[in-house]
PDB file of N, CA and C in Angstrom:
ATOM      1  N   UNK A   1     -40.806  -8.178   0.835  1.00  0.00           N
ATOM      2  CA  UNK A   1     -39.229  -8.438   0.221  1.00  0.00           C
ATOM      3  C   UNK A   1     -38.521  -7.895   1.858  1.00  0.00           C
ATOM      4  N   UNK A   2     -39.486  -7.329   2.270  1.00  0.00           N
ATOM      5  CA  UNK A   2     -39.578  -6.124   3.238  1.00  0.00           C
ATOM      6  C   UNK A   2     -38.907  -7.725   4.497  1.00  0.00           C
ATOM      7  N   UNK A   3     -40.473  -7.907   4.776  1.00  0.00           N
ATOM      8  CA  UNK A   3     -41.235  -9.231   5.609  1.00  0.00           C
ATOM      9  C   UNK A   3     -39.820 -10.180   5.992  1.00  0.00           C
ATOM     10  N   UNK A   4     -39.598 -10.546   4.523  1.00  0.00           N
ATOM     11  CA  UNK A   4     -37.917 -11.691   4.702  1.00  0.00           C
ATOM     12  C   UNK A   4     -36.757 -10.703   6.224  1.00  0.00           C
ATOM     13  N   UNK A   5     -36.161  -9.479   4.730  1.00  0.00           N
ATOM     14  CA  UNK A   5     -35.242  -8.869   5.824  1.00  0.00           C
ATOM     15  C   UNK A   5     -35.838  -8.915   7.438  1.00  0.00           C
ATOM     16  N   UNK A   6     -37.257  -8.606   7.782  1.00  0.00           N
ATOM     17  CA  UNK A   6     -37.442  -8.023   8.896  1.00  0.00           C
ATOM     18  C   UNK A   6     -37.292  -9.403   9.496  1.00  0.00           C
ATOM     19  N   UNK A   7     -38.258 -10.515   8.882  1.00  0.00           N
ATOM     20  CA  UNK A   7     -37.999 -12.065  10.144  1.00  0.00           C
ATOM     21  C   UNK A   7     -36.324 -12.598  10.232  1.00  0.00           C
ATOM     22  N   UNK A   8     -35.239 -12.721   9.537  1.00  0.00           N
ATOM     23  CA  UNK A   8     -34.303 -12.758   9.208  1.00  0.00           C
ATOM     24  C   UNK A   8     -33.195 -12.031  10.494  1.00  0.00           C
ATOM     25  N   UNK A   9     -33.548 -10.428  10.712  1.00  0.00           N
ATOM     26  CA  UNK A   9     -33.282  -9.689  11.397  1.00  0.00           C
ATOM     27  C   UNK A   9     -33.714  -9.934  12.547  1.00  0.00           C
ATOM     28  N   UNK A  10     -35.267 -10.756  13.135  1.00  0.00           N
ATOM     29  CA  UNK A  10     -35.249 -11.049  14.660  1.00  0.00           C
ATOM     30  C   UNK A  10     -35.052 -12.242  14.892  1.00  0.00           C
ATOM     31  N   UNK A  11     -34.156 -12.698  13.576  1.00  0.00           N
ATOM     32  CA  UNK A  11     -33.552 -14.271  14.386  1.00  0.00           C
ATOM     33  C   UNK A  11     -33.155 -14.312  14.214  1.00  0.00           C
ATOM     34  N   UNK A  12     -31.847 -13.593  13.783  1.00  0.00           N
ATOM     35  CA  UNK A  12     -30.421 -13.177  13.790  1.00  0.00           C
ATOM     36  C   UNK A  12     -30.155 -12.301  15.301  1.00  0.00           C
ATOM     37  N   UNK A  13     -30.667 -11.445  15.885  1.00  0.00           N
ATOM     38  CA  UNK A  13     -31.053 -10.599  17.134  1.00  0.00           C
ATOM     39  C   UNK A  13     -31.266 -11.093  17.962  1.00  0.00           C
ATOM     40  N   UNK A  14     -32.202 -12.638  18.303  1.00  0.00           N
ATOM     41  CA  UNK A  14     -32.657 -13.549  18.648  1.00  0.00           C
ATOM     42  C   UNK A  14     -31.825 -14.671  19.387  1.00  0.00           C
ATOM     43  N   UNK A  15     -31.069 -14.604  17.845  1.00  0.00           N
ATOM     44  CA  UNK A  15     -29.721 -15.622  17.849  1.00  0.00           C
ATOM     45  C   UNK A  15     -30.471 -16.988  17.494  1.00  0.00           C
ATOM     46  N   UNK A  16     -31.010 -17.456  17.092  1.00  0.00           N
ATOM     47  CA  UNK A  16     -31.571 -18.648  15.704  1.00  0.00           C
ATOM     48  C   UNK A  16     -31.928 -18.634  14.878  1.00  0.00           C
ATOM     49  N   UNK A  17     -30.928 -17.458  13.372  1.00  0.00           N
ATOM     50  CA  UNK A  17     -31.007 -17.909  12.426  1.00  0.00           C
ATOM     51  C   UNK A  17     -29.603 -18.876  12.301  1.00  0.00           C
ATOM     52  N   UNK A  18     -28.709 -19.362  12.804  1.00  0.00           N
ATOM     53  CA  UNK A  18     -27.331 -19.511  12.466  1.00  0.00           C
ATOM     54  C   UNK A  18     -27.517 -21.240  13.896  1.00  0.00           C
ATOM     55  N   UNK A  19     -27.450 -22.395  12.842  1.00  0.00           N
ATOM     56  CA  UNK A  19     -26.772 -23.281  13.871  1.00  0.00           C
ATOM     57  C   UNK A  19     -26.329 -23.342  14.858  1.00  0.00           C
ATOM     58  N   UNK A  20     -25.030 -22.940  14.723  1.00  0.00           N
ATOM     59  CA  UNK A  20     -23.734 -22.869  15.406  1.00  0.00           C
ATOM     60  C   UNK A  20     -23.782 -21.031  15.469  1.00  0.00           C
ATOM     61  N   UNK A  21     -23.646 -20.035  16.308  1.00  0.00           N
ATOM     62  CA  UNK A  21     -23.882 -19.131  16.719  1.00  0.00           C
ATOM     63  C   UNK A  21     -22.398 -18.521  17.259  1.00  0.00           C
ATOM     64  N   UNK A  22     -21.634 -19.269  18.001  1.00  0.00           N
ATOM     65  CA  UNK A  22     -20.382 -19.429  17.818  1.00  0.00           C
ATOM     66  C   UNK A  22     -20.067 -19.002  16.410  1.00  0.00           C
ATOM     67  N   UNK A  23     -19.807 -19.605  15.900  1.00  0.00           N
ATOM     68  CA  UNK A  23     -18.664 -20.351  14.895  1.00  0.00           C
ATOM     69  C   UNK A  23     -19.073 -18.652  13.640  1.00  0.00           C
ATOM     70  N   UNK A  24     -20.437 -18.326  13.593  1.00  0.00           N
ATOM     71  CA  UNK A  24     -20.996 -17.837  12.556  1.00  0.00           C
ATOM     72  C   UNK A  24     -20.272 -16.348  13.139  1.00  0.00           C
ATOM     73  N   UNK A  25     -20.557 -15.708  14.255  1.00  0.00           N
ATOM     74  CA  UNK A  25     -19.955 -14.916  15.058  1.00  0.00           C
ATOM     75  C   UNK A  25     -18.312 -14.612  14.899  1.00  0.00           C
ATOM     76  N   UNK A  26     -17.883 -15.703  14.451  1.00  0.00           N
ATOM     77  CA  UNK A  26     -16.123 -15.724  15.318  1.00  0.00           C
ATOM     78  C   UNK A  26     -16.365 -15.593  13.046  1.00  0.00           C
ATOM     79  N   UNK A  27     -16.482 -16.083  12.243  1.00  0.00           N
ATOM     80  CA  UNK A  27     -16.767 -15.575  10.518  1.00  0.00           C
ATOM     81  C   UNK A  27     -16.454 -14.537  11.070  1.00  0.00           C
ATOM     82  N   UNK A  28     -17.614 -13.929  11.172  1.00  0.00           N
ATOM     83  CA  UNK A  28     -18.364 -12.507  10.782  1.00  0.00           C
ATOM     84  C   UNK A  28     -17.002 -10.931  11.062  1.00  0.00           C
ATOM     85  N   UNK A  29     -16.549 -11.470  12.431  1.00  0.00           N
ATOM     86  CA  UNK A  29     -15.589 -10.859  13.193  1.00  0.00           C
ATOM     87  C   UNK A  29     -14.287 -11.090  12.539  1.00  0.00           C
ATOM     88  N   UNK A  30     -14.157 -12.258  10.923  1.00  0.00           N
ATOM     89  CA  UNK A  30     -13.002 -12.181  10.826  1.00  0.00           C
ATOM     90  C   UNK A  30     -12.782 -11.256   9.337  1.00  0.00           C
ATOM     91  N   UNK A  31     -13.893 -11.421   8.951  1.00  0.00           N
ATOM     92  CA  UNK A  31     -14.215 -10.488   7.153  1.00  0.00           C
ATOM     93  C   UNK A  31     -14.415  -8.962   7.768  1.00  0.00           C
ATOM     94  N   UNK A  32     -14.566  -8.661   9.473  1.00  0.00           N
ATOM     95  CA  UNK A  32     -14.696  -7.353   9.591  1.00  0.00           C
ATOM     96  C   UNK A  32     -12.956  -7.249   9.500  1.00  0.00           C
ATOM     97  N   UNK A  33     -12.522  -7.997  10.701  1.00  0.00           N
ATOM     98  CA  UNK A  33     -11.186  -7.691  11.322  1.00  0.00           C
ATOM     99  C   UNK A  33     -10.002  -7.582  10.137  1.00  0.00           C
ATOM    100  N   UNK A  34     -10.448  -8.510   8.817  1.00  0.00           N
ATOM    101  CA  UNK A  34      -9.368  -8.434   7.540  1.00  0.00           C
ATOM    102  C   UNK A  34      -9.584  -7.045   7.117  1.00  0.00           C
ATOM    103  N   UNK A  35     -10.827  -6.559   6.503  1.00  0.00           N
ATOM    104  CA  UNK A  35     -11.182  -4.730   6.527  1.00  0.00           C
ATOM    105  C   UNK A  35     -10.816  -4.342   6.614  1.00  0.00           C
ATOM    106  N   UNK A  36     -10.932  -4.189   8.089  1.00  0.00           N
ATOM    107  CA  UNK A  36     -10.470  -3.043   9.138  1.00  0.00           C
ATOM    108  C   UNK A  36      -8.772  -3.164   8.665  1.00  0.00           C
ATOM    109  N   UNK A  37      -7.999  -4.079   8.682  1.00  0.00           N
ATOM    110  CA  UNK A  37      -6.495  -4.079   9.292  1.00  0.00           C
ATOM    111  C   UNK A  37      -6.222  -3.583   7.646  1.00  0.00           C
ATOM    112  N   UNK A  38      -6.908  -4.002   7.011  1.00  0.00           N
ATOM    113  CA  UNK A  38      -6.028  -3.512   5.280  1.00  0.00           C
ATOM    114  C   UNK A  38      -6.822  -2.174   5.494  1.00  0.00           C
ATOM    115  N   UNK A  39      -7.300  -1.110   5.376  1.00  0.00           N
ATOM    116  CA  UNK A  39      -7.653   0.164   5.670  1.00  0.00           C
ATOM    117  C   UNK A  39      -6.392   0.475   6.251  1.00  0.00           C
ATOM    118  N   UNK A  40      -6.087   0.097   7.445  1.00  0.00           N
ATOM    119  CA  UNK A  40      -4.797   0.580   8.038  1.00  0.00           C
ATOM    120  C   UNK A  40      -3.538   1.259   8.042  1.00  0.00           C
ATOM    121  N   UNK A  41      -3.454  -0.265   6.949  1.00  0.00           N
ATOM    122  CA  UNK A  41      -2.927  -0.902   6.284  1.00  0.00           C
ATOM    123  C   UNK A  41      -2.331   0.313   5.264  1.00  0.00           C
ATOM    124  N   UNK A  42      -3.277  -0.063   4.306  1.00  0.00           N
ATOM    125  CA  UNK A  42      -3.234   0.906   2.538  1.00  0.00           C
ATOM    126  C   UNK A  42      -3.314   2.260   3.370  1.00  0.00           C
ATOM    127  N   UNK A  43      -3.843   2.550   4.421  1.00  0.00           N
ATOM    128  CA  UNK A  43      -4.329   4.427   4.888  1.00  0.00           C
ATOM    129  C   UNK A  43      -2.869   4.950   4.792  1.00  0.00           C
ATOM    130  N   UNK A  44      -1.410   4.332   4.923  1.00  0.00           N
ATOM    131  CA  UNK A  44      -0.553   4.683   4.722  1.00  0.00           C
ATOM    132  C   UNK A  44       0.053   4.917   3.829  1.00  0.00           C
ATOM    133  N   UNK A  45      -0.070   4.083   2.776  1.00  0.00           N
ATOM    134  CA  UNK A  45       0.254   4.091   1.391  1.00  0.00           C
ATOM    135  C   UNK A  45      -0.066   4.775   0.613  1.00  0.00           C
ATOM    136  N   UNK A  46      -1.855   5.164   0.427  1.00  0.00           N
ATOM    137  CA  UNK A  46      -1.966   5.422  -0.692  1.00  0.00           C
ATOM    138  C   UNK A  46      -3.680   6.280   0.069  1.00  0.00           C
ATOM    139  N   UNK A  47      -3.748   7.339  -0.545  1.00  0.00           N
ATOM    140  CA  UNK A  47      -5.485   8.046  -0.005  1.00  0.00           C
ATOM    141  C   UNK A  47      -6.325   7.549   0.993  1.00  0.00           C
ATOM    142  N   UNK A  48      -7.341   8.119   2.199  1.00  0.00           N
ATOM    143  CA  UNK A  48      -7.656   7.053   3.041  1.00  0.00           C
ATOM    144  C   UNK A  48      -9.341   7.199   1.705  1.00  0.00           C
ATOM    145  N   UNK A  49      -9.463   7.779   1.292  1.00  0.00           N
ATOM    146  CA  UNK A  49     -10.716   7.103   0.057  1.00  0.00           C
ATOM    147  C   UNK A  49     -10.448   5.643  -0.125  1.00  0.00           C
ATOM    148  N   UNK A  50      -9.291   5.460  -0.331  1.00  0.00           N
ATOM    149  CA  UNK A  50      -9.050   4.546  -1.539  1.00  0.00           C
ATOM    150  C   UNK A  50      -8.837   3.404  -0.945  1.00  0.00           C
ATOM    151  N   UNK A  51      -8.098   3.185   0.260  1.00  0.00           N
ATOM    152  CA  UNK A  51      -7.838   2.494   1.363  1.00  0.00           C
ATOM    153  C   UNK A  51      -9.171   1.435   2.020  1.00  0.00           C
ATOM    154  N   UNK A  52     -10.139   3.278   1.857  1.00  0.00           N
ATOM    155  CA  UNK A  52     -11.277   2.374   1.917  1.00  0.00           C
ATOM    156  C   UNK A  52     -12.555   1.535   1.549  1.00  0.00           C
ATOM    157  N   UNK A  53     -12.100   2.122   0.474  1.00  0.00           N
ATOM    158  CA  UNK A  53     -12.923   0.937  -0.844  1.00  0.00           C
ATOM    159  C   UNK A  53     -12.159   0.202  -1.007  1.00  0.00           C
ATOM    160  N   UNK A  54     -10.723  -0.544  -1.162  1.00  0.00           N
ATOM    161  CA  UNK A  54     -10.454  -1.651  -1.249  1.00  0.00           C
ATOM    162  C   UNK A  54     -10.228  -2.209  -0.024  1.00  0.00           C
ATOM    163  N   UNK A  55      -9.939  -2.100   1.749  1.00  0.00           N
ATOM    164  CA  UNK A  55     -10.825  -3.097   2.741  1.00  0.00           C
ATOM    165  C   UNK A  55     -11.981  -3.065   2.537  1.00  0.00           C
ATOM    166  N   UNK A  56     -13.303  -1.726   2.311  1.00  0.00           N
ATOM    167  CA  UNK A  56     -14.659  -2.463   2.210  1.00  0.00           C
ATOM    168  C   UNK A  56     -14.252  -4.053   0.397  1.00  0.00           C
ATOM    169  N   UNK A  57     -13.751  -3.539   0.175  1.00  0.00           N
ATOM    170  CA  UNK A  57     -14.000  -5.172  -0.644  1.00  0.00           C
ATOM    171  C   UNK A  57     -13.075  -5.967  -0.499  1.00  0.00           C
ATOM    172  N   UNK A  58     -12.358  -6.120  -0.070  1.00  0.00           N
ATOM    173  CA  UNK A  58     -11.521  -7.141   0.594  1.00  0.00           C
ATOM    174  C   UNK A  58     -12.842  -7.922   1.360  1.00  0.00           C
ATOM    175  N   UNK A  59     -12.936  -7.128   2.882  1.00  0.00           N
ATOM    176  CA  UNK A  59     -14.236  -7.593   3.513  1.00  0.00           C
ATOM    177  C   UNK A  59     -14.903  -8.623   2.808  1.00  0.00           C
ATOM    178  N   UNK A  60     -15.412  -7.473   2.149  1.00  0.00           N
ATOM    179  CA  UNK A  60     -16.595  -7.818   0.851  1.00  0.00           C
ATOM    180  C   UNK A  60     -17.202  -9.176   0.241  1.00  0.00           C
ATOM    181  N   UNK A  61     -15.392  -9.303  -0.138  1.00  0.00           N
ATOM    182  CA  UNK A  61     -15.302 -10.203  -0.616  1.00  0.00           C
ATOM    183  C   UNK A  61     -14.507 -11.862  -0.715  1.00  0.00           C
ATOM    184  N   UNK A  62     -14.729 -11.104   1.162  1.00  0.00           N
ATOM    185  CA  UNK A  62     -14.342 -12.392   2.155  1.00  0.00           C
ATOM    186  C   UNK A  62     -15.001 -12.851   2.559  1.00  0.00           C
ATOM    187  N   UNK A  63     -16.616 -12.329   2.797  1.00  0.00           N
ATOM    188  CA  UNK A  63     -17.905 -13.306   3.464  1.00  0.00           C
ATOM    189  C   UNK A  63     -18.366 -13.793   2.801  1.00  0.00           C
ATOM    190  N   UNK A  64     -18.316 -13.945   1.082  1.00  0.00           N
ATOM    191  CA  UNK A  64     -18.874 -15.326   0.676  1.00  0.00           C
ATOM    192  C   UNK A  64     -18.328 -16.860   1.442  1.00  0.00           C
ATOM    193  N   UNK A  65     -16.636 -16.805   0.993  1.00  0.00           N
ATOM    194  CA  UNK A  65     -15.980 -17.754   1.847  1.00  0.00           C
ATOM    195  C   UNK A  65     -16.040 -17.948   3.008  1.00  0.00           C
ATOM    196  N   UNK A  66     -15.955 -17.366   3.712  1.00  0.00           N
ATOM    197  CA  UNK A  66     -16.373 -17.220   5.298  1.00  0.00           C
ATOM    198  C   UNK A  66     -17.513 -18.271   5.645  1.00  0.00           C
ATOM    199  N   UNK A  67     -18.021 -17.326   4.947  1.00  0.00           N
ATOM    200  CA  UNK A  67     -20.169 -18.187   5.174  1.00  0.00           C
ATOM    201  C   UNK A  67     -20.164 -19.226   4.492  1.00  0.00           C
ATOM    202  N   UNK A  68     -19.967 -19.751   3.793  1.00  0.00           N
ATOM    203  CA  UNK A  68     -20.033 -20.776   2.528  1.00  0.00           C
ATOM    204  C   UNK A  68     -20.433 -22.368   3.407  1.00  0.00           C
ATOM    205  N   UNK A  69     -20.125 -22.533   4.732  1.00  0.00           N
ATOM    206  CA  UNK A  69     -20.351 -23.660   5.230  1.00  0.00           C
ATOM    207  C   UNK A  69     -21.312 -23.538   6.335  1.00  0.00           C
ATOM    208  N   UNK A  70     -21.591 -22.210   6.574  1.00  0.00           N
ATOM    209  CA  UNK A  70     -22.753 -22.060   7.891  1.00  0.00           C
ATOM    210  C   UNK A  70     -23.812 -22.879   7.576  1.00  0.00           C
ATOM    211  N   UNK A  71     -24.716 -23.398   8.755  1.00  0.00           N
ATOM    212  CA  UNK A  71     -25.632 -24.212   8.735  1.00  0.00           C
ATOM    213  C   UNK A  71     -27.000 -22.706   8.914  1.00  0.00           C
ATOM    214  N   UNK A  72     -27.692 -23.166   8.890  1.00  0.00           N
ATOM    215  CA  UNK A  72     -29.294 -21.238   9.086  1.00  0.00           C
ATOM    216  C   UNK A  72     -30.147 -23.103   9.776  1.00  0.00           C
ATOM    217  N   UNK A  73     -30.682 -22.711  10.956  1.00  0.00           N
ATOM    218  CA  UNK A  73     -30.766 -22.988  11.876  1.00  0.00           C
ATOM    219  C   UNK A  73     -32.479 -23.228  11.345  1.00  0.00           C
TER     220      UNK A  73
END
């Protein structure tokens, strides 16, 4: 299992994991931005710890939706 993770990390860093690296980075940035925006907005309404949990959940739930059409090399 560790070898699988290490090999995937090497391919990702080398830019050979996805067929379209720009699309993968754009989708990743969208997910991160959505989580960050949710944390900032919610931190004005609820305690920071609750905003962090909800923002992390939003970002985590978005990743499978955003990455569903990515093709691996």
